[in-house]
C-alpha atoms as a PDB file:
ATOM      1  CA  MET A   1      77.912 168.427  80.484  1.00  0.00           C
ATOM      2  CA  SER A   2      80.281 171.146  81.649  1.00  0.00           C
ATOM      3  CA  ASP A   3      83.332 172.350  79.721  1.00  0.00           C
ATOM      4  CA  ARG A   4      85.500 170.767  82.398  1.00  0.00           C
ATOM      5  CA  ASP A   5      83.881 167.352  81.862  1.00  0.00           C
ATOM      6  CA  THR A   6      84.353 167.694  78.103  1.00  0.00           C
ATOM      7  CA  ASP A   7      88.050 168.516  78.580  1.00  0.00           C
ATOM      8  CA  THR A   8      88.423 165.450  80.793  1.00  0.00           C
ATOM      9  CA  LEU A   9      86.833 163.170  78.171  1.00  0.00           C
ATOM     10  CA  CYS A  10      89.099 164.583  75.449  1.00  0.00           C
ATOM     11  CA  LEU A  11      92.127 163.924  77.639  1.00  0.00           C
ATOM     12  CA  LEU A  12      90.994 160.346  78.307  1.00  0.00           C
ATOM     13  CA  GLU A  13      90.558 159.707  74.585  1.00  0.00           C
ATOM     14  CA  LYS A  14      94.090 160.946  73.890  1.00  0.00           C
ATOM     15  CA  LEU A  15      95.474 158.787  76.704  1.00  0.00           C
ATOM     16  CA  ALA A  16      93.609 155.768  75.303  1.00  0.00           C
ATOM     17  CA  ARG A  17      95.089 156.335  71.844  1.00  0.00           C
ATOM     18  CA  ALA A  18      98.573 156.709  73.305  1.00  0.00           C
ATOM     19  CA  ALA A  19      98.060 153.420  75.178  1.00  0.00           C
ATOM     20  CA  GLY A  20      97.174 151.562  71.930  1.00  0.00           C
ATOM     21  CA  ALA A  21      93.405 151.276  72.282  1.00  0.00           C
ATOM     22  CA  GLY A  22      92.923 151.933  68.586  1.00  0.00           C
ATOM     23  CA  GLY A  23      91.299 155.321  69.058  1.00  0.00           C
ATOM     24  CA  ARG A  24      87.904 153.920  70.095  1.00  0.00           C
ATOM     25  CA  PRO A  25      85.624 156.774  71.233  1.00  0.00           C
ATOM     26  CA  ILE A  26      84.863 157.223  74.895  1.00  0.00           C
ATOM     27  CA  HIS A  27      81.153 157.920  75.149  1.00  0.00           C
ATOM     28  CA  ALA A  28      79.897 160.400  77.684  1.00  0.00           C
ATOM     29  CA  ASP A  29      76.383 158.940  77.801  1.00  0.00           C
ATOM     30  CA  VAL A  30      77.322 155.480  79.132  1.00  0.00           C
ATOM     31  CA  ALA A  31      78.901 154.443  82.404  1.00  0.00           C
ATOM     32  CA  THR A  32      81.039 151.663  80.895  1.00  0.00           C
ATOM     33  CA  GLU A  33      82.074 150.363  77.499  1.00  0.00           C
ATOM     34  CA  ASP A  34      81.820 146.685  76.571  1.00  0.00           C
ATOM     35  CA  TYR A  35      85.155 144.991  75.996  1.00  0.00           C
ATOM     36  CA  ASP A  36      85.324 141.949  73.715  1.00  0.00           C
ATOM     37  CA  TRP A  37      87.688 139.596  75.539  1.00  0.00           C
ATOM     38  CA  HIS A  38      87.592 137.222  72.556  1.00  0.00           C
ATOM     39  CA  VAL A  39      89.491 139.656  70.310  1.00  0.00           C
ATOM     40  CA  PRO A  40      93.156 140.475  70.999  1.00  0.00           C
ATOM     41  CA  PHE A  41      94.498 144.020  70.784  1.00  0.00           C
ATOM     42  CA  ARG A  42      98.094 143.202  69.977  1.00  0.00           C
ATOM     43  CA  TYR A  43      98.084 145.704  67.113  1.00  0.00           C
ATOM     44  CA  ASP A  44      96.600 149.174  67.367  1.00  0.00           C
ATOM     45  CA  GLY A  45      94.830 151.023  64.572  1.00  0.00           C
ATOM     46  CA  ARG A  46      97.994 152.418  63.031  1.00  0.00           C
ATOM     47  CA  GLN A  47      99.694 149.030  62.987  1.00  0.00           C
ATOM     48  CA  LEU A  48      96.626 147.409  61.415  1.00  0.00           C
ATOM     49  CA  THR A  49      96.718 150.094  58.724  1.00  0.00           C
ATOM     50  CA  ARG A  50     100.345 149.156  58.073  1.00  0.00           C
ATOM     51  CA  LEU A  51      99.384 145.479  57.835  1.00  0.00           C
ATOM     52  CA  ALA A  52      96.522 146.367  55.487  1.00  0.00           C
ATOM     53  CA  GLU A  53      99.113 147.958  53.194  1.00  0.00           C
ATOM     54  CA  VAL A  54     101.106 144.712  53.368  1.00  0.00           C
ATOM     55  CA  GLY A  55      97.911 142.813  52.501  1.00  0.00           C
ATOM     56  CA  GLU A  56      97.495 144.923  49.361  1.00  0.00           C
ATOM     57  CA  VAL A  57     101.096 144.192  48.362  1.00  0.00           C
ATOM     58  CA  LEU A  58     100.440 140.498  48.983  1.00  0.00           C
ATOM     59  CA  ALA A  59      97.386 140.614  46.710  1.00  0.00           C
ATOM     60  CA  ARG A  60      99.371 142.215  43.865  1.00  0.00           C
ATOM     61  CA  LYS A  61     102.272 139.776  44.199  1.00  0.00           C
ATOM     62  CA  ILE A  62      99.936 136.773  44.349  1.00  0.00           C
ATOM     63  CA  ALA A  63      97.988 137.980  41.298  1.00  0.00           C
ATOM     64  CA  GLN A  64     101.212 138.387  39.295  1.00  0.00           C
ATOM     65  CA  ALA A  65     102.532 134.976  40.320  1.00  0.00           C
ATOM     66  CA  LEU A  66      99.210 133.213  39.660  1.00  0.00           C
ATOM     67  CA  GLY A  67      98.818 134.981  36.320  1.00  0.00           C
ATOM     68  CA  ALA A  68     102.165 133.611  35.181  1.00  0.00           C
ATOM     69  CA  HIS A  69     101.326 130.159  36.535  1.00  0.00           C
ATOM     70  CA  LEU A  70      97.812 129.990  35.054  1.00  0.00           C
ATOM     71  CA  ARG A  71      98.808 131.792  31.837  1.00  0.00           C
ATOM     72  CA  GLY A  72      96.150 134.431  32.081  1.00  0.00           C
ATOM     73  CA  ASP A  73      94.888 137.423  33.980  1.00  0.00           C
ATOM     74  CA  VAL A  74      94.153 136.827  37.671  1.00  0.00           C
ATOM     75  CA  ARG A  75      92.504 139.279  40.031  1.00  0.00           C
ATOM     76  CA  VAL A  76      93.195 139.122  43.745  1.00  0.00           C
ATOM     77  CA  ALA A  77      91.869 141.648  46.250  1.00  0.00           C
ATOM     78  CA  SER A  78      92.707 141.697  49.950  1.00  0.00           C
ATOM     79  CA  ASP A  79      90.426 142.274  52.926  1.00  0.00           C
ATOM     80  CA  ALA A  80      91.469 144.289  55.958  1.00  0.00           C
ATOM     81  CA  PRO A  81      93.525 142.111  58.334  1.00  0.00           C
ATOM     82  CA  THR A  82      91.909 140.961  61.566  1.00  0.00           C
ATOM     83  CA  GLN A  83      93.242 139.738  64.904  1.00  0.00           C
ATOM     84  CA  HIS A  84      92.234 136.474  66.559  1.00  0.00           C
ATOM     85  CA  PHE A  85      93.107 134.236  69.461  1.00  0.00           C
ATOM     86  CA  ARG A  86      93.952 130.710  68.374  1.00  0.00           C
ATOM     87  CA  SER A  87      90.950 129.204  70.175  1.00  0.00           C
ATOM     88  CA  ARG A  88      88.414 131.427  68.410  1.00  0.00           C
ATOM     89  CA  LEU A  89      90.195 131.218  65.047  1.00  0.00           C
ATOM     90  CA  GLY A  90      90.200 127.422  65.214  1.00  0.00           C
ATOM     91  CA  GLN A  91      86.434 127.440  65.779  1.00  0.00           C
ATOM     92  CA  ASP A  92      85.862 129.805  62.846  1.00  0.00           C
ATOM     93  CA  LEU A  93      87.977 127.753  60.458  1.00  0.00           C
ATOM     94  CA  ALA A  94      86.160 124.570  61.433  1.00  0.00           C
ATOM     95  CA  GLU A  95      82.843 125.963  60.149  1.00  0.00           C
ATOM     96  CA  ALA A  96      83.746 125.285  56.505  1.00  0.00           C
ATOM     97  CA  GLU A  97      85.918 122.621  54.894  1.00  0.00           C
ATOM     98  CA  ARG A  98      88.747 123.946  52.724  1.00  0.00           C
ATOM     99  CA  TYR A  99      91.973 122.877  51.094  1.00  0.00           C
ATOM    100  CA  TYR A 100      94.952 123.961  53.152  1.00  0.00           C
ATOM    101  CA  VAL A 101      98.724 123.928  53.344  1.00  0.00           C
ATOM    102  CA  ASN A 102     100.634 124.455  56.568  1.00  0.00           C
ATOM    103  CA  LEU A 103     103.349 127.085  56.849  1.00  0.00           C
ATOM    104  CA  SER A 104     106.485 127.213  58.946  1.00  0.00           C
ATOM    105  CA  ALA A 105     109.255 129.619  59.860  1.00  0.00           C
ATOM    106  CA  GLY A 106     112.280 127.375  59.787  1.00  0.00           C
ATOM    107  CA  GLU A 107     111.267 124.311  61.798  1.00  0.00           C
ATOM    108  CA  THR A 108     108.530 126.142  63.699  1.00  0.00           C
ATOM    109  CA  PRO A 109     104.897 125.901  62.497  1.00  0.00           C
ATOM    110  CA  CYS A 110     103.619 129.439  62.055  1.00  0.00           C
ATOM    111  CA  GLY A 111     100.498 129.530  59.897  1.00  0.00           C
ATOM    112  CA  VAL A 112      98.212 128.086  57.284  1.00  0.00           C
ATOM    113  CA  LEU A 113      96.923 129.010  53.806  1.00  0.00           C
ATOM    114  CA  LEU A 114      93.321 127.935  53.193  1.00  0.00           C
ATOM    115  CA  ILE A 115      91.603 127.760  49.793  1.00  0.00           C
ATOM    116  CA  ALA A 116      87.867 127.452  49.152  1.00  0.00           C
ATOM    117  CA  PRO A 117      86.921 124.345  47.098  1.00  0.00           C
ATOM    118  CA  ALA A 118      85.267 126.416  44.349  1.00  0.00           C
ATOM    119  CA  LEU A 119      88.405 128.502  43.851  1.00  0.00           C
ATOM    120  CA  ALA A 120      90.605 125.399  43.922  1.00  0.00           C
ATOM    121  CA  THR A 121      88.444 123.721  41.265  1.00  0.00           C
ATOM    122  CA  GLY A 122      88.619 126.833  39.125  1.00  0.00           C
ATOM    123  CA  TRP A 123      92.402 126.820  39.182  1.00  0.00           C
ATOM    124  CA  VAL A 124      92.550 123.137  38.269  1.00  0.00           C
ATOM    125  CA  ASN A 125      90.073 123.646  35.414  1.00  0.00           C
ATOM    126  CA  ARG A 126      92.156 126.506  34.007  1.00  0.00           C
ATOM    127  CA  LEU A 127      95.338 124.434  34.152  1.00  0.00           C
ATOM    128  CA  LEU A 128      93.530 121.564  32.378  1.00  0.00           C
ATOM    129  CA  GLY A 129      92.034 123.910  29.792  1.00  0.00           C
ATOM    130  CA  ALA A 130      88.489 123.417  31.061  1.00  0.00           C
ATOM    131  CA  GLY A 131      87.691 127.109  31.465  1.00  0.00           C
ATOM    132  CA  GLY A 132      86.474 128.752  34.650  1.00  0.00           C
ATOM    133  CA  ALA A 133      85.362 127.188  37.881  1.00  0.00           C
ATOM    134  CA  ASP A 134      82.665 124.537  37.588  1.00  0.00           C
ATOM    135  CA  GLU A 135      80.306 125.509  40.408  1.00  0.00           C
ATOM    136  CA  ALA A 136      78.370 122.268  40.138  1.00  0.00           C
ATOM    137  CA  LYS A 137      81.522 120.271  40.827  1.00  0.00           C
ATOM    138  CA  ALA A 138      83.131 122.643  43.318  1.00  0.00           C
ATOM    139  CA  GLY A 139      82.749 120.202  46.165  1.00  0.00           C
ATOM    140  CA  ARG A 140      83.931 117.104  44.336  1.00  0.00           C
ATOM    141  CA  GLU A 141      87.048 115.209  45.309  1.00  0.00           C
ATOM    142  CA  LEU A 142      90.003 115.989  43.081  1.00  0.00           C
ATOM    143  CA  SER A 143      91.901 113.277  41.329  1.00  0.00           C
ATOM    144  CA  GLU A 144      95.549 112.624  42.132  1.00  0.00           C
ATOM    145  CA  LEU A 145      96.622 114.626  39.059  1.00  0.00           C
ATOM    146  CA  GLU A 146      94.310 117.502  39.969  1.00  0.00           C
ATOM    147  CA  THR A 147      95.572 117.471  43.553  1.00  0.00           C
ATOM    148  CA  ASP A 148      99.139 117.716  42.279  1.00  0.00           C
ATOM    149  CA  LEU A 149      98.162 120.657  40.081  1.00  0.00           C
ATOM    150  CA  LEU A 150      96.431 122.322  43.019  1.00  0.00           C
ATOM    151  CA  SER A 151      99.480 121.715  45.203  1.00  0.00           C
ATOM    152  CA  ASP A 152     101.689 123.402  42.588  1.00  0.00           C
ATOM    153  CA  THR A 153      99.315 126.357  42.484  1.00  0.00           C
ATOM    154  CA  ALA A 154      99.277 126.633  46.278  1.00  0.00           C
ATOM    155  CA  ALA A 155     103.085 126.612  46.215  1.00  0.00           C
ATOM    156  CA  VAL A 156     102.926 129.649  43.907  1.00  0.00           C
ATOM    157  CA  TRP A 157     100.773 131.391  46.518  1.00  0.00           C
ATOM    158  CA  VAL A 158     103.173 130.496  49.320  1.00  0.00           C
ATOM    159  CA  GLY A 159     106.172 131.631  47.282  1.00  0.00           C
ATOM    160  CA  ALA A 160     104.581 135.025  46.613  1.00  0.00           C
ATOM    161  CA  ILE A 161     103.642 135.373  50.283  1.00  0.00           C
ATOM    162  CA  ALA A 162     107.123 134.411  51.493  1.00  0.00           C
ATOM    163  CA  GLU A 163     108.820 136.838  49.088  1.00  0.00           C
ATOM    164  CA  THR A 164     106.526 139.694  50.106  1.00  0.00           C
ATOM    165  CA  LEU A 165     106.916 139.143  53.831  1.00  0.00           C
ATOM    166  CA  GLN A 166     110.684 139.082  53.551  1.00  0.00           C
ATOM    167  CA  GLN A 167     110.676 142.276  51.496  1.00  0.00           C
ATOM    168  CA  GLU A 168     108.476 143.875  54.166  1.00  0.00           C
ATOM    169  CA  ASP A 169     110.908 142.777  56.933  1.00  0.00           C
ATOM    170  CA  GLY A 170     108.756 139.885  58.141  1.00  0.00           C
ATOM    171  CA  ARG A 171     110.036 136.423  59.039  1.00  0.00           C
ATOM    172  CA  ALA A 172     110.821 133.948  56.274  1.00  0.00           C
ATOM    173  CA  ILE A 173     108.130 131.287  55.813  1.00  0.00           C
ATOM    174  CA  GLU A 174     107.809 128.186  53.658  1.00  0.00           C
ATOM    175  CA  GLN A 175     105.313 125.434  52.875  1.00  0.00           C
ATOM    176  CA  ARG A 176     105.226 122.573  55.363  1.00  0.00           C
ATOM    177  CA  GLY A 177     103.946 119.271  53.957  1.00  0.00           C
ATOM    178  CA  LYS A 178     101.433 118.621  51.190  1.00  0.00           C
ATOM    179  CA  ILE A 179      98.065 120.170  50.467  1.00  0.00           C
ATOM    180  CA  ALA A 180      95.105 118.534  52.187  1.00  0.00           C
ATOM    181  CA  ARG A 181      91.355 118.993  52.498  1.00  0.00           C
ATOM    182  CA  GLY A 182      89.577 119.377  55.812  1.00  0.00           C
ATOM    183  CA  THR A 183      90.091 121.474  58.949  1.00  0.00           C
ATOM    184  CA  PRO A 184      93.704 122.351  59.783  1.00  0.00           C
ATOM    185  CA  GLU A 185      95.044 121.885  63.300  1.00  0.00           C
ATOM    186  CA  LEU A 186      96.520 125.219  64.285  1.00  0.00           C
ATOM    187  CA  PRO A 187      99.779 125.088  66.253  1.00  0.00           C
ATOM    188  CA  CYS A 188     100.576 126.828  69.568  1.00  0.00           C
ATOM    189  CA  ASP A 189      98.518 127.435  72.691  1.00  0.00           C
ATOM    190  CA  GLU A 190      94.896 128.521  72.840  1.00  0.00           C
ATOM    191  CA  GLY A 191      95.809 132.074  73.786  1.00  0.00           C
ATOM    192  CA  THR A 192      98.360 132.762  71.039  1.00  0.00           C
ATOM    193  CA  GLU A 193      97.534 135.676  68.765  1.00  0.00           C
ATOM    194  CA  TRP A 194      97.020 135.330  65.031  1.00  0.00           C
ATOM    195  CA  CYS A 195      96.574 137.752  62.159  1.00  0.00           C
ATOM    196  CA  VAL A 196      94.274 136.796  59.279  1.00  0.00           C
ATOM    197  CA  PHE A 197      94.350 138.141  55.711  1.00  0.00           C
ATOM    198  CA  GLY A 198      91.401 137.398  53.444  1.00  0.00           C
ATOM    199  CA  PHE A 199      91.644 137.339  49.633  1.00  0.00           C
ATOM    200  CA  ARG A 200      88.919 137.407  46.980  1.00  0.00           C
ATOM    201  CA  SER A 201      89.091 136.725  43.249  1.00  0.00           C
ATOM    202  CA  SER A 202      86.246 139.171  42.571  1.00  0.00           C
ATOM    203  CA  GLU A 203      84.316 141.894  44.332  1.00  0.00           C
ATOM    204  CA  ASP A 204      81.168 139.745  44.065  1.00  0.00           C
ATOM    205  CA  ALA A 205      82.583 137.070  46.360  1.00  0.00           C
ATOM    206  CA  ALA A 206      80.425 136.889  49.483  1.00  0.00           C
ATOM    207  CA  ALA A 207      83.337 135.722  51.643  1.00  0.00           C
ATOM    208  CA  PRO A 208      87.117 135.453  51.341  1.00  0.00           C
ATOM    209  CA  GLU A 209      87.984 132.614  48.958  1.00  0.00           C
ATOM    210  CA  ALA A 210      91.510 132.257  50.318  1.00  0.00           C
ATOM    211  CA  ILE A 211      92.692 132.917  53.853  1.00  0.00           C
ATOM    212  CA  LEU A 212      96.213 133.440  55.131  1.00  0.00           C
ATOM    213  CA  ALA A 213      96.405 132.953  58.904  1.00  0.00           C
ATOM    214  CA  VAL A 214      99.804 133.537  60.499  1.00  0.00           C
ATOM    215  CA  LEU A 215     101.104 133.943  64.018  1.00  0.00           C
ATOM    216  CA  CYS A 216     101.548 137.574  64.951  1.00  0.00           C
ATOM    217  CA  ASP A 217     105.184 136.750  65.736  1.00  0.00           C
ATOM    218  CA  VAL A 218     105.757 136.474  61.974  1.00  0.00           C
ATOM    219  CA  LEU A 219     104.512 140.039  61.440  1.00  0.00           C
ATOM    220  CA  ASP A 220     105.790 141.812  64.545  1.00  0.00           C
ATOM    221  CA  HIS A 221     108.995 142.997  62.918  1.00  0.00           C
ATOM    222  CA  ILE A 222     107.037 144.542  60.025  1.00  0.00           C
ATOM    223  CA  VAL A 223     105.220 146.885  62.379  1.00  0.00           C
ATOM    224  CA  ALA A 224     108.028 147.227  64.962  1.00  0.00           C
ATOM    225  CA  ALA A 225     109.566 150.395  63.518  1.00  0.00           C
ATOM    226  CA  ASP A 226     106.132 151.894  63.017  1.00  0.00           C
ATOM    227  CA  ALA A 227     105.169 150.870  66.541  1.00  0.00           C
ATOM    228  CA  ASP A 228     108.285 152.493  68.017  1.00  0.00           C
ATOM    229  CA  ALA A 229     107.627 155.717  66.129  1.00  0.00           C
ATOM    230  CA  HIS A 230     103.960 155.609  67.100  1.00  0.00           C
ATOM    231  CA  ALA A 231     104.824 154.975  70.743  1.00  0.00           C
ATOM    232  CA  ALA A 232     107.287 157.881  70.766  1.00  0.00           C
ATOM    233  CA  ALA A 233     104.779 160.179  69.101  1.00  0.00           C
ATOM    234  CA  GLY A 234     102.059 158.961  71.438  1.00  0.00           C
ATOM    235  CA  ALA A 235     104.259 159.519  74.479  1.00  0.00           C
ATOM    236  CA  ALA A 236     105.120 163.034  73.314  1.00  0.00           C
ATOM    237  CA  GLU A 237     101.485 163.856  72.599  1.00  0.00           C
ATOM    238  CA  ASN A 238     100.452 162.287  75.878  1.00  0.00           C
ATOM    239  CA  GLY A 239     103.050 164.315  77.787  1.00  0.00           C
ATOM    240  CA  ALA A 240     101.956 167.531  76.079  1.00  0.00           C
ATOM    241  CA  ASP A 241      98.308 166.808  76.866  1.00  0.00           C
ATOM    242  CA  LEU A 242      99.109 166.079  80.502  1.00  0.00           C
ATOM    243  CA  ALA A 243     101.241 169.215  80.794  1.00  0.00           C
ATOM    244  CA  GLU A 244      98.447 171.302  79.296  1.00  0.00           C
ATOM    245  CA  HIS A 245      95.914 169.703  81.607  1.00  0.00           C
ATOM    246  CA  PHE A 246      97.946 170.095  84.791  1.00  0.00           C
ATOM    247  CA  ALA A 247      98.865 173.658  83.864  1.00  0.00           C
ATOM    248  CA  ARG A 248      95.220 174.525  84.592  1.00  0.00           C
ATOM    249  CA  VAL A 249      95.074 172.738  87.951  1.00  0.00           C
ATOM    250  CA  PRO A 250      94.811 175.324  90.786  1.00  0.00           C
ATOM    251  CA  LEU A 251      97.460 175.225  93.528  1.00  0.00           C
ATOM    252  CA  ALA A 252      97.400 176.872  96.944  1.00  0.00           C
ATOM    253  CA  ALA A 253     100.323 179.299  97.361  1.00  0.00           C
ATOM    254  CA  GLU A 254     101.431 180.703 100.714  1.00  0.00           C
ATOM    255  CA  VAL A 255     103.618 183.717 101.421  1.00  0.00           C
ATOM    256  CA  ILE A 256     105.755 183.173 104.530  1.00  0.00           C
ATOM    257  CA  ALA A 257     107.554 186.107 106.075  1.00  0.00           C
ATOM    258  CA  ALA A 258     109.199 184.043 108.818  1.00  0.00           C
ATOM    259  CA  GLU A 259     108.471 181.380 111.398  1.00  0.00           C
ATOM    260  CA  ALA A 260     109.096 181.375 115.143  1.00  0.00           C
ATOM    261  CA  ASP A 261     108.864 178.716 117.818  1.00  0.00           C
ATOM    262  CA  LEU A 262     106.902 179.818 120.880  1.00  0.00           C
ATOM    263  CA  PRO A 263     106.127 177.926 124.066  1.00  0.00           C
ATOM    264  CA  VAL A 264     102.477 177.128 124.538  1.00  0.00           C
ATOM    265  CA  ARG A 265     102.517 179.368 127.670  1.00  0.00           C
ATOM    266  CA  ASP A 266     103.552 182.398 125.632  1.00  0.00           C
ATOM    267  CA  VAL A 267     100.927 181.719 122.991  1.00  0.00           C
ATOM    268  CA  LEU A 268      98.215 181.491 125.650  1.00  0.00           C
ATOM    269  CA  GLU A 269      99.320 184.819 127.187  1.00  0.00           C
ATOM    270  CA  LEU A 270      99.200 186.774 123.910  1.00  0.00           C
ATOM    271  CA  GLN A 271      97.021 189.903 124.081  1.00  0.00           C
ATOM    272  CA  VAL A 272      95.728 192.312 121.465  1.00  0.00           C
ATOM    273  CA  GLY A 273      98.530 194.731 120.674  1.00  0.00           C
ATOM    274  CA  ASP A 274     101.355 192.349 121.607  1.00  0.00           C
ATOM    275  CA  VAL A 275     104.193 192.026 119.101  1.00  0.00           C
ATOM    276  CA  VAL A 276     105.776 188.707 118.233  1.00  0.00           C
ATOM    277  CA  LEU A 277     109.341 189.164 117.097  1.00  0.00           C
ATOM    278  CA  LEU A 278     110.417 186.952 114.207  1.00  0.00           C
ATOM    279  CA  PRO A 279     113.966 185.606 113.780  1.00  0.00           C
ATOM    280  CA  LYS A 280     114.417 187.409 110.486  1.00  0.00           C
ATOM    281  CA  ASP A 281     115.661 190.837 109.441  1.00  0.00           C
ATOM    282  CA  ALA A 282     113.157 193.228 107.892  1.00  0.00           C
ATOM    283  CA  GLU A 283     115.266 193.357 104.710  1.00  0.00           C
ATOM    284  CA  ASP A 284     115.302 189.558 104.309  1.00  0.00           C
ATOM    285  CA  PRO A 285     113.105 188.181 101.470  1.00  0.00           C
ATOM    286  CA  VAL A 286     109.835 186.390 102.077  1.00  0.00           C
ATOM    287  CA  GLU A 287     109.139 182.880 100.742  1.00  0.00           C
ATOM    288  CA  LEU A 288     106.435 181.766  98.314  1.00  0.00           C
ATOM    289  CA  ARG A 289     105.502 178.168  99.144  1.00  0.00           C
ATOM    290  CA  VAL A 290     103.499 175.679  97.107  1.00  0.00           C
ATOM    291  CA  ASP A 291     102.427 172.472  98.808  1.00  0.00           C
ATOM    292  CA  ARG A 292     104.487 173.521 101.856  1.00  0.00           C
ATOM    293  CA  ARG A 293     107.650 173.718  99.745  1.00  0.00           C
ATOM    294  CA  ALA A 294     109.490 177.000  99.201  1.00  0.00           C
ATOM    295  CA  VAL A 295     109.762 177.567  95.454  1.00  0.00           C
ATOM    296  CA  LEU A 296     110.350 181.332  95.074  1.00  0.00           C
ATOM    297  CA  TYR A 297     111.576 184.216  97.184  1.00  0.00           C
ATOM    298  CA  GLY A 298     110.949 187.918  96.947  1.00  0.00           C
ATOM    299  CA  ARG A 299     110.122 191.045  98.892  1.00  0.00           C
ATOM    300  CA  ALA A 300     106.774 192.129 100.269  1.00  0.00           C
ATOM    301  CA  VAL A 301     105.079 194.978  98.402  1.00  0.00           C
ATOM    302  CA  THR A 302     101.693 196.629  98.207  1.00  0.00           C
ATOM    303  CA  ALA A 303      99.900 197.172  94.921  1.00  0.00           C
ATOM    304  CA  GLU A 304      96.538 198.889  94.541  1.00  0.00           C
ATOM    305  CA  GLY A 305      95.640 198.236  98.157  1.00  0.00           C
ATOM    306  CA  HIS A 306      96.670 194.568  98.129  1.00  0.00           C
ATOM    307  CA  TYR A 307      99.687 192.813  99.571  1.00  0.00           C
ATOM    308  CA  GLY A 308     101.978 191.228  97.028  1.00  0.00           C
ATOM    309  CA  VAL A 309     105.348 189.622  96.503  1.00  0.00           C
ATOM    310  CA  ALA A 310     107.886 190.985  94.062  1.00  0.00           C
ATOM    311  CA  VAL A 311     109.632 187.817  92.894  1.00  0.00           C
ATOM    312  CA  LEU A 312     113.409 187.966  93.103  1.00  0.00           C
ATOM    313  CA  GLY A 313     114.278 184.400  92.148  1.00  0.00           C
ATOM    314  CA  ALA A 314     113.910 180.688  92.771  1.00  0.00           C
ATOM    315  CA  CYS A 315     114.770 179.279  96.162  1.00  0.00           C
ATOM    316  CA  ASP A 316     117.323 176.851  94.704  1.00  0.00           C
ATOM    317  CA  ALA A 317     118.920 179.522  92.477  1.00  0.00           C
ATOM    318  CA  PRO A 318     121.495 182.137  93.504  1.00  0.00           C
ATOM    319  CA  ALA A 319     120.109 185.507  94.458  1.00  0.00           C
ATOM    320  CA  PRO A 320     120.229 188.096  91.632  1.00  0.00           C
ATOM    321  CA  PRO A 321     121.863 191.512  92.053  1.00  0.00           C
ATOM    322  CA  ALA A 322     119.761 194.077  93.868  1.00  0.00           C
ATOM    323  CA  ASP A 323     117.812 195.808  91.126  1.00  0.00           C
ATOM    324  CA  THR A 324     114.234 196.538  90.238  1.00  0.00           C
ATOM    325  CA  PRO A 325     112.239 193.257  90.218  1.00  0.00           C
ATOM    326  CA  ARG A 326     110.331 192.203  87.142  1.00  0.00           C
ATOM    327  CA  GLN A 327     106.711 193.326  87.324  1.00  0.00           C
ATOM    328  CA  ARG A 328     103.810 190.989  86.549  1.00  0.00           C
END
């Protein structure tokens, strides 16, 4: 691969980052790159990093609130947030039955909090003084009292989430209806975009034990300022990269002393030694044209056996006083 090809690939990578592609590498050894149409790209890498920071704050707030509610130490760790279309997310959530509570922003449904049965049983056991989670009974149906206790615990989760999102400039959310067990029906159209936060009570958990799925509309304001700054920085970097790139593009420059209109008859009768008079005084400056447009003017000179142009100024600028031109 030539240096020119390498420069082009570097420029394309920078343009892709500025356009919000998440900084994915552009490989020189493949003709195309697979694009996963099932995954939205509403948030770029920087915005996802910002949301990951929010996820960590959520985990701390939830752990504090649950610790006070359960009267003991609670550990909550967050996974990196992921993006989903509603259709694919609905299929993923249907693979395992969980307890869930619906969330809303005002009167508008906007998300769902899902809790694994084993984790839910563990909370109920702690509230009833039965110790940790009973794995053998993790899938059992809870009694009415236990369901009420679980609903209170889920409300603690939702309260911590709502407080954190508001502090982080997100939209206010609240619990919508009672806790239930099964597969939630996600609101909105199939193509709406969702953001999913996973939470674990221990590092040994094979999968997230609690899942917060919210419409991206709830989180947009959190990353808006960061997105604006990122877009401005990306535009500036993109402009600098383009300027640097185009500064190396060769252009054809022409030096025009003067132009004259001649009849075809006169042109055909020209002989060696004939002189064509131009409608311009010998002292008048010559023009330097780029892409057939006059950009500079100057006077004709010779330097080391070559013709040259001593630049006097720009064609759209007033002529400078007659002095020695700047040498290049």
